[in-house]
Amino acid sequence: MKISTEDFIEGIKSGNKRLIAKAITLVESTKPEHRSQAEELLKKILPLTGNSIRVGITGVPGAGKSTFIENFGRLVISNGKKVAVLAIDPSSAINKGSILGDKTRMEELSKEENAFIRPSPSSGFLGGVANTTFETMMICEAAGYDYILIETVGVGQSEVLVSDITDVFLFLKIIGGGDELQGIKRGIMEMVDIIFINKVEESNLQKAKNTRLELKRALDFLPSKEKDWKVPVLLGSALYNEGLKDVYQKIDDFITLKKNTKRFDEVRTQQFEKRFEYWVQEYILAMMKKDNSVEEAYIQHKKNASDQISNPSTEAKLFVEKFLKDSRSEI
């Protein structure tokens, strides 16, 4: 039975987790009839959004992201807040299948009344975040969740994409992962707001302190992402709830600074602009695929590029020019 947009809105506002989950499924759907209702829903809940703190959490596989999120989420709840976790699971590049195991990994957090955990497949989307994560975040905000924690699969371009849709970017680091400054090579260090060195115990405390010193030195050579903010490098163990209160406090300090300098609203505006640009590309591609002649031209230009008949950028330019020319002639 189809759920009306009004019922979705009432369910979201009342915190009905079943309807919140169904609303997210609607937004994730690529079916035309679902997209239409999703657009209507997102438009109507827009006034209810924007009141959360959006935290992106990344780190290499094995950094303890899920354990961190579970215990940090419980800490946030103990401070009278509601937490939504958007855990992006890796998808198979072949069949788009997803593990979706975060609800089992975050067993204790999932039992909390004021927690909502939504595992979503990345579906091969570049960067380890789902292509509708931003819209999913809006639904959770409309439902009254104070903290939105976005866990990425921790691959490649995820750092860029996560920093584009969040207020705080937290990087989890572990000791003994090879080059201690590996993050710099991938550009992570230029985007982080807080670094948490996880899995610190008595046996590796000195190594952790050395790693912190190296990271701080590296940060001194990089331009500040936010004026008057020195990226803190914290030590702790998510498993044993050590250092999590420090992270919570630093997030609060960072948000306060951004609001005082008017950067908070400025960055939020930029996020919407970037989502606009993303969806423009998506809808143009969708229009192209509907037109058989355009699709044939797309295939031909793509083949010219793959056969090295011409430069890929040249073929892309020729294809887009043809598409725009054909579109204008139909008006």
Protein backbone atom coordinates (compact mmCIF):
# COMPACT_ATOMS: atom_id res chain seq x y z
CA MET A 1 0.00 0.00 0.00
CA LYS A 2 1.41 3.37 -1.06
CA ILE A 3 2.20 5.80 1.75
CA SER A 4 1.11 9.38 1.09
CA THR A 5 3.54 12.28 1.36
CA GLU A 6 1.46 13.69 4.22
CA ASP A 7 1.72 10.41 6.14
CA PHE A 8 5.48 10.40 5.56
CA ILE A 9 5.77 13.93 6.93
CA GLU A 10 3.70 13.16 10.02
CA GLY A 11 5.70 9.99 10.60
CA ILE A 12 9.00 11.84 10.29
CA LYS A 13 7.89 14.64 12.61
CA SER A 14 6.67 12.17 15.23
CA GLY A 15 9.91 10.18 15.09
CA ASN A 16 8.32 7.01 13.69
CA LYS A 17 11.45 4.99 12.80
CA ARG A 18 9.58 2.70 10.42
CA LEU A 19 8.29 5.62 8.36
CA ILE A 20 11.66 7.40 8.56
CA ALA A 21 13.30 4.28 7.11
CA LYS A 22 10.65 4.01 4.38
CA ALA A 23 11.10 7.70 3.53
CA ILE A 24 14.85 7.14 3.12
CA THR A 25 14.16 4.12 0.89
CA LEU A 26 11.89 6.35 -1.21
CA VAL A 27 14.64 8.96 -1.58
CA GLU A 28 17.18 6.27 -2.51
CA SER A 29 14.93 4.82 -5.22
CA THR A 30 15.67 5.56 -8.88
CA LYS A 31 12.16 4.75 -10.12
CA PRO A 32 10.55 7.83 -11.77
CA GLU A 33 7.35 7.58 -9.72
CA HIS A 34 9.37 7.35 -6.51
CA ARG A 35 11.63 10.24 -7.51
CA SER A 36 8.60 12.47 -8.02
CA GLN A 37 7.22 11.78 -4.54
CA ALA A 38 10.70 12.03 -3.03
CA GLU A 39 11.13 15.52 -4.50
CA GLU A 40 7.76 16.57 -3.06
CA LEU A 41 8.65 15.14 0.34
CA LEU A 42 12.07 16.81 0.48
CA LYS A 43 10.57 20.15 -0.49
CA LYS A 44 7.95 19.99 2.28
CA ILE A 45 10.32 18.93 5.05
CA LEU A 46 12.96 21.53 4.14
CA PRO A 47 11.75 24.05 6.80
CA LEU A 48 12.27 21.33 9.44
CA THR A 49 15.92 20.75 8.53
CA GLY A 50 19.23 22.41 9.34
CA ASN A 51 19.25 22.11 13.12
CA SER A 52 21.65 19.22 13.54
CA ILE A 53 25.41 18.90 13.81
CA ARG A 54 26.68 16.92 10.83
CA VAL A 55 29.80 14.90 11.57
CA GLY A 56 31.71 13.00 8.89
CA ILE A 57 33.86 10.15 10.18
CA THR A 58 36.51 8.53 8.05
CA GLY A 59 39.59 6.38 8.40
CA VAL A 60 41.19 3.35 6.84
CA PRO A 61 39.48 -0.04 7.24
CA GLY A 62 40.36 -1.33 10.69
CA ALA A 63 40.57 2.12 12.29
CA GLY A 64 37.60 1.23 14.49
CA LYS A 65 35.00 3.53 12.93
CA SER A 66 31.97 1.44 13.91
CA THR A 67 33.15 0.97 17.50
CA PHE A 68 33.88 4.68 17.74
CA ILE A 69 30.46 5.62 16.39
CA GLU A 70 28.64 3.21 18.69
CA ASN A 71 30.28 4.45 21.89
CA PHE A 72 30.43 8.08 20.80
CA GLY A 73 26.74 7.90 19.86
CA ARG A 74 25.89 6.58 23.30
CA LEU A 75 27.89 9.41 24.86
CA VAL A 76 25.95 11.97 22.83
CA ILE A 77 22.65 10.38 23.90
CA SER A 78 23.75 10.51 27.55
CA ASN A 79 24.00 14.27 27.06
CA GLY A 80 20.31 14.45 26.15
CA LYS A 81 20.73 14.41 22.37
CA LYS A 82 19.31 12.22 19.58
CA VAL A 83 21.72 10.54 17.17
CA ALA A 84 21.26 9.31 13.61
CA VAL A 85 23.98 7.17 12.06
CA LEU A 86 24.25 6.92 8.29
CA ALA A 87 26.63 4.04 7.78
CA ILE A 88 27.64 3.67 4.16
CA ASP A 89 28.42 0.03 3.41
CA PRO A 90 30.69 -0.98 0.53
CA SER A 91 28.85 -2.38 -2.47
CA SER A 92 29.98 -4.95 -4.92
CA ALA A 93 31.14 -3.32 -8.15
CA ILE A 94 29.69 -6.31 -9.99
CA ASN A 95 26.15 -6.72 -8.64
CA LYS A 96 25.85 -3.67 -6.33
CA GLY A 97 25.17 -5.99 -3.41
CA SER A 98 25.95 -4.64 0.04
CA ILE A 99 27.05 -6.16 3.31
CA LEU A 100 24.85 -3.83 5.40
CA GLY A 101 26.26 -5.17 8.64
CA ASP A 102 26.44 -2.00 10.73
CA LYS A 103 23.29 -2.71 12.71
CA THR A 104 24.88 -5.90 13.99
CA ARG A 105 28.20 -4.18 14.67
CA MET A 106 26.46 -1.37 16.58
CA GLU A 107 24.20 -3.65 18.59
CA GLU A 108 24.13 -1.59 21.79
CA LEU A 109 23.54 1.72 20.03
CA SER A 110 20.73 0.24 17.94
CA LYS A 111 18.86 -0.56 21.17
CA GLU A 112 18.80 3.10 22.19
CA GLU A 113 15.42 4.83 21.79
CA ASN A 114 17.13 8.07 20.75
CA ALA A 115 19.31 6.45 18.09
CA PHE A 116 18.55 5.67 14.47
CA ILE A 117 20.97 3.62 12.37
CA ARG A 118 20.60 3.47 8.62
CA PRO A 119 23.03 1.34 6.63
CA SER A 120 22.98 2.33 2.96
CA PRO A 121 24.85 0.75 0.06
CA SER A 122 27.36 2.95 -1.73
CA SER A 123 26.24 1.19 -4.95
CA GLY A 124 29.62 1.81 -6.47
CA PHE A 125 29.18 5.57 -6.08
CA LEU A 126 32.53 7.36 -6.17
CA GLY A 127 33.99 8.15 -2.80
CA GLY A 128 32.39 5.66 -0.47
CA VAL A 129 29.26 7.70 0.25
CA ALA A 130 25.82 6.96 -1.13
CA ASN A 131 24.60 9.41 -3.77
CA THR A 132 21.56 10.32 -1.63
CA THR A 133 23.36 10.68 1.71
CA PHE A 134 22.71 14.43 1.78
CA GLU A 135 18.97 13.95 1.24
CA THR A 136 18.87 11.13 3.82
CA MET A 137 20.53 13.51 6.25
CA MET A 138 17.73 16.03 5.68
CA ILE A 139 15.10 13.43 6.59
CA CYS A 140 16.93 12.65 9.83
CA GLU A 141 17.18 16.34 10.65
CA ALA A 142 13.45 16.79 10.05
CA ALA A 143 12.89 13.90 12.47
CA GLY A 144 14.67 15.86 15.19
CA TYR A 145 18.03 14.10 15.37
CA ASP A 146 20.61 16.46 16.88
CA TYR A 147 23.75 14.69 15.65
CA ILE A 148 24.09 13.08 12.23
CA LEU A 149 27.12 10.78 12.12
CA ILE A 150 28.18 9.71 8.64
CA GLU A 151 30.52 6.74 8.49
CA THR A 152 32.25 6.24 5.16
CA VAL A 153 33.87 3.13 3.76
CA GLY A 154 37.16 5.02 3.98
CA VAL A 155 38.29 4.81 0.38
CA GLY A 156 39.78 7.23 -2.12
CA GLN A 157 37.63 10.30 -2.62
CA SER A 158 35.38 9.76 0.40
CA GLU A 159 37.20 12.44 2.36
CA VAL A 160 36.36 15.12 -0.21
CA LEU A 161 32.73 14.14 -0.53
CA VAL A 162 32.14 13.77 3.20
CA SER A 163 33.70 17.16 3.95
CA ASP A 164 31.37 18.64 1.32
CA ILE A 165 28.22 17.63 3.20
CA THR A 166 29.22 17.89 6.87
CA ASP A 167 30.02 20.53 9.48
CA VAL A 168 32.85 18.61 11.15
CA PHE A 169 35.26 16.18 9.53
CA LEU A 170 36.79 13.68 11.95
CA PHE A 171 39.69 11.47 10.93
CA LEU A 172 40.35 8.26 12.88
CA LYS A 173 44.00 7.24 12.87
CA ILE A 174 45.62 4.07 14.14
CA ILE A 175 49.22 3.35 15.04
CA GLY A 176 51.34 0.99 13.02
CA GLY A 177 49.49 1.40 9.75
CA GLY A 178 52.70 1.96 7.82
CA ASP A 179 53.59 5.54 6.92
CA GLU A 180 52.34 7.68 9.80
CA LEU A 181 51.89 10.60 7.44
CA GLN A 182 50.00 8.63 4.79
CA GLY A 183 47.10 11.01 5.23
CA ILE A 184 49.05 13.88 3.74
CA LYS A 185 49.60 12.00 0.50
CA ARG A 186 45.86 11.58 0.02
CA GLY A 187 45.04 15.14 0.96
CA ILE A 188 43.20 14.10 4.11
CA MET A 189 45.16 16.42 6.34
CA GLU A 190 44.01 19.47 4.41
CA MET A 191 40.38 18.66 5.11
CA VAL A 192 40.32 17.37 8.68
CA ASP A 193 38.91 19.37 11.58
CA ILE A 194 39.71 16.87 14.34
CA ILE A 195 42.05 13.86 14.47
CA PHE A 196 41.48 11.01 16.90
CA ILE A 197 44.24 8.42 17.27
CA ASN A 198 42.27 5.31 18.20
CA LYS A 199 43.17 2.01 19.88
CA VAL A 200 45.69 3.62 22.23
CA GLU A 201 46.71 1.41 25.15
CA GLU A 202 49.48 1.44 27.74
CA SER A 203 51.61 -0.80 25.53
CA ASN A 204 51.60 1.64 22.58
CA LEU A 205 51.13 4.94 24.42
CA GLN A 206 54.61 6.24 23.57
CA LYS A 207 54.17 5.36 19.89
CA ALA A 208 50.81 7.15 19.96
CA LYS A 209 52.42 10.25 21.44
CA ASN A 210 55.12 10.16 18.76
CA THR A 211 52.46 9.84 16.07
CA ARG A 212 50.58 12.80 17.54
CA LEU A 213 53.75 14.89 17.47
CA GLU A 214 54.42 13.99 13.83
CA LEU A 215 50.85 14.83 12.83
CA LYS A 216 50.99 18.17 14.62
CA ARG A 217 54.24 19.02 12.86
CA ALA A 218 52.70 18.12 9.52
CA LEU A 219 49.63 20.26 10.25
CA ASP A 220 51.87 23.26 10.93
CA PHE A 221 52.96 23.19 7.28
CA LEU A 222 49.42 23.20 5.92
CA PRO A 223 47.09 26.20 5.51
CA SER A 224 44.34 26.39 8.13
CA LYS A 225 40.97 25.17 6.88
CA GLU A 226 39.20 27.44 9.35
CA LYS A 227 40.67 30.68 10.67
CA ASP A 228 41.63 30.58 14.36
CA TRP A 229 41.19 26.77 14.52
CA LYS A 230 44.20 24.58 15.24
CA VAL A 231 43.32 20.98 14.41
CA PRO A 232 43.47 18.99 17.67
CA VAL A 233 45.12 15.57 17.65
CA LEU A 234 43.50 13.49 20.41
CA LEU A 235 44.47 10.13 21.87
CA GLY A 236 42.11 7.44 23.14
CA SER A 237 40.37 4.12 22.78
CA ALA A 238 36.81 3.99 21.48
CA LEU A 239 36.50 0.41 22.74
CA TYR A 240 37.17 1.49 26.33
CA ASN A 241 35.43 4.88 26.06
CA GLU A 242 38.69 6.74 26.56
CA GLY A 243 39.06 10.16 24.96
CA LEU A 244 35.52 10.32 23.59
CA LYS A 245 34.49 13.16 25.89
CA ASP A 246 37.41 15.16 24.51
CA VAL A 247 36.14 14.58 20.96
CA TYR A 248 32.63 15.64 21.99
CA GLN A 249 33.99 18.85 23.53
CA LYS A 250 36.19 19.66 20.53
CA ILE A 251 33.23 19.23 18.17
CA ASP A 252 31.26 21.66 20.30
CA ASP A 253 34.18 24.11 20.34
CA PHE A 254 34.55 23.88 16.56
CA ILE A 255 30.85 24.47 15.86
CA THR A 256 30.82 27.41 18.27
CA LEU A 257 33.81 28.95 16.49
CA LYS A 258 32.20 28.52 13.05
CA LYS A 259 28.97 30.12 14.23
CA ASN A 260 30.79 33.03 15.85
CA THR A 261 32.73 33.71 12.64
CA LYS A 262 29.58 33.30 10.46
CA ARG A 263 31.29 30.41 8.66
CA PHE A 264 28.68 27.90 9.74
CA ASP A 265 25.85 29.30 7.60
CA GLU A 266 28.27 30.10 4.78
CA VAL A 267 29.42 26.48 4.54
CA ARG A 268 25.83 25.20 4.75
CA THR A 269 24.94 27.41 1.78
CA GLN A 270 27.88 26.01 -0.18
CA GLN A 271 26.69 22.48 0.56
CA PHE A 272 23.32 23.16 -1.07
CA GLU A 273 25.02 24.73 -4.06
CA LYS A 274 27.18 21.64 -4.54
CA ARG A 275 24.14 19.37 -4.28
CA PHE A 276 22.44 21.50 -6.93
CA GLU A 277 25.41 21.01 -9.25
CA TYR A 278 25.40 17.27 -8.57
CA TRP A 279 21.71 16.88 -9.39
CA VAL A 280 22.03 18.99 -12.55
CA GLN A 281 24.55 16.45 -13.83
CA GLU A 282 22.35 13.53 -12.76
CA TYR A 283 19.22 14.86 -14.51
CA ILE A 284 21.11 15.75 -17.69
CA LEU A 285 22.48 12.20 -17.87
CA ALA A 286 19.00 10.81 -17.23
CA MET A 287 17.58 12.92 -20.08
CA MET A 288 20.32 11.69 -22.39
CA LYS A 289 19.56 8.05 -21.66
CA LYS A 290 15.88 8.54 -22.53
CA ASP A 291 16.69 9.69 -26.06
CA ASN A 292 17.76 6.83 -28.34
CA SER A 293 19.60 9.05 -30.82
CA VAL A 294 21.48 10.78 -28.01
CA GLU A 295 22.36 7.43 -26.47
CA GLU A 296 23.70 6.22 -29.81
CA ALA A 297 25.86 9.33 -30.10
CA TYR A 298 27.06 8.79 -26.52
CA ILE A 299 28.08 5.20 -27.33
CA GLN A 300 29.86 6.28 -30.52
CA HIS A 301 31.85 9.10 -28.91
CA LYS A 302 32.72 6.84 -26.00
CA LYS A 303 34.00 4.22 -28.45
CA ASN A 304 36.06 6.86 -30.27
CA ALA A 305 37.69 7.67 -26.96
CA SER A 306 38.28 4.04 -25.94
CA ASP A 307 39.65 3.17 -29.40
CA GLN A 308 41.98 6.18 -29.04
CA ILE A 309 40.67 7.70 -32.26
CA SER A 310 40.52 10.98 -30.40
CA ASN A 311 41.27 12.46 -26.99
CA PRO A 312 38.59 11.56 -24.36
CA SER A 313 38.09 15.25 -23.45
CA THR A 314 37.61 16.12 -27.13
CA GLU A 315 35.03 13.37 -27.62
CA ALA A 316 33.19 14.44 -24.47
CA LYS A 317 33.12 18.06 -25.70
CA LEU A 318 31.80 17.00 -29.14
CA PHE A 319 29.11 14.85 -27.54
CA VAL A 320 27.90 17.58 -25.16
CA GLU A 321 27.84 20.14 -27.99
CA LYS A 322 25.73 17.76 -30.09
CA PHE A 323 23.37 17.13 -27.16
CA LEU A 324 22.88 20.86 -26.51
CA LYS A 325 22.45 21.58 -30.22
CA ASP A 326 19.78 18.88 -30.57
CA SER A 327 18.06 20.10 -27.42
CA ARG A 328 17.89 23.71 -28.68
CA SER A 329 16.48 22.59 -32.04
CA GLU A 330 13.59 20.87 -30.25
CA ILE A 331 12.56 24.01 -28.38
